[in-house]
């Protein structure tokens, strides 16, 4: 699996890649989302509240290969 760079930087200026797990830092409870590539677009969506998240409101917490338990 080759993770593609999204062209975006997270809150701490780290590059965001497909398969990264992002922590939503502007929320009162910990919420984690996976960066996915779908229909020619990169996306990360908060399915818990059915909303899209701004990339500067997230921090990289891990990735789908090394830390999949974050999404459970």
Protein backbone atom coordinates (compact mmCIF):
# COMPACT_ATOMS: atom_id res chain seq x y z
CA UNK A 1 0.00 0.00 0.00
CA UNK A 2 1.47 3.32 -1.09
CA UNK A 3 0.10 6.28 0.82
CA UNK A 4 -0.41 9.33 -1.37
CA UNK A 5 0.29 12.84 -0.10
CA UNK A 6 -2.92 14.88 0.00
CA UNK A 7 -1.19 18.22 -0.52
CA UNK A 8 -2.48 19.38 2.88
CA UNK A 9 -0.77 20.09 6.19
CA UNK A 10 -2.36 19.51 9.58
CA UNK A 11 -2.38 21.90 12.55
CA UNK A 12 1.31 21.25 13.38
CA UNK A 13 2.38 21.61 9.72
CA UNK A 14 2.90 17.85 9.19
CA UNK A 15 1.99 16.43 5.79
CA UNK A 16 -1.32 14.53 5.64
CA UNK A 17 -1.30 11.24 3.70
CA UNK A 18 -3.97 8.79 2.61
CA UNK A 19 -4.45 6.26 5.42
CA UNK A 20 -3.51 8.68 8.19
CA UNK A 21 -5.79 8.79 11.21
CA UNK A 22 -6.52 12.33 12.29
CA UNK A 23 -7.62 13.54 15.71
CA UNK A 24 -10.14 16.38 15.63
CA UNK A 25 -8.61 18.90 18.04
CA UNK A 26 -11.45 21.44 18.08
CA UNK A 27 -13.88 19.05 19.80
CA UNK A 28 -14.53 18.40 23.48
CA UNK A 29 -14.45 14.62 22.97
CA UNK A 30 -11.77 12.70 21.10
CA UNK A 31 -12.86 11.95 17.57
CA UNK A 32 -10.71 10.20 15.01
CA UNK A 33 -11.16 10.05 11.24
CA UNK A 34 -9.30 8.24 8.47
CA UNK A 35 -8.01 10.03 5.38
CA UNK A 36 -9.48 8.24 2.36
CA UNK A 37 -9.18 8.55 -1.41
CA UNK A 38 -12.57 8.25 -3.07
CA UNK A 39 -13.87 9.26 -6.50
CA UNK A 40 -10.63 11.08 -7.31
CA UNK A 41 -10.64 13.12 -4.08
CA UNK A 42 -9.03 12.92 -0.67
CA UNK A 43 -11.52 13.23 2.16
CA UNK A 44 -11.85 12.89 5.87
CA UNK A 45 -15.31 13.02 7.28
CA UNK A 46 -16.72 12.95 10.76
CA UNK A 47 -19.36 10.28 10.27
CA UNK A 48 -20.42 10.56 13.91
CA UNK A 49 -21.87 14.03 13.25
CA UNK A 50 -22.10 13.75 9.43
CA UNK A 51 -19.96 16.79 8.74
CA UNK A 52 -16.72 17.59 7.01
CA UNK A 53 -13.78 18.79 9.05
CA UNK A 54 -11.31 21.56 8.21
CA UNK A 55 -7.77 20.25 7.82
CA UNK A 56 -6.30 22.91 10.12
CA UNK A 57 -8.47 21.58 12.99
CA UNK A 58 -6.78 18.15 13.05
CA UNK A 59 -3.57 16.49 14.23
CA UNK A 60 -2.12 13.24 12.92
CA UNK A 61 -2.70 10.59 15.60
CA UNK A 62 -1.48 7.55 13.66
CA UNK A 63 -2.31 5.61 10.53
CA UNK A 64 -4.58 2.78 9.47
CA UNK A 65 -1.73 0.23 9.31
CA UNK A 66 0.05 0.89 12.62
CA UNK A 67 -2.79 2.20 14.84
CA UNK A 68 -6.17 0.99 13.46
CA UNK A 69 -7.54 0.68 17.01
CA UNK A 70 -7.96 4.47 17.10
CA UNK A 71 -11.00 4.13 14.84
CA UNK A 72 -12.82 1.65 17.09
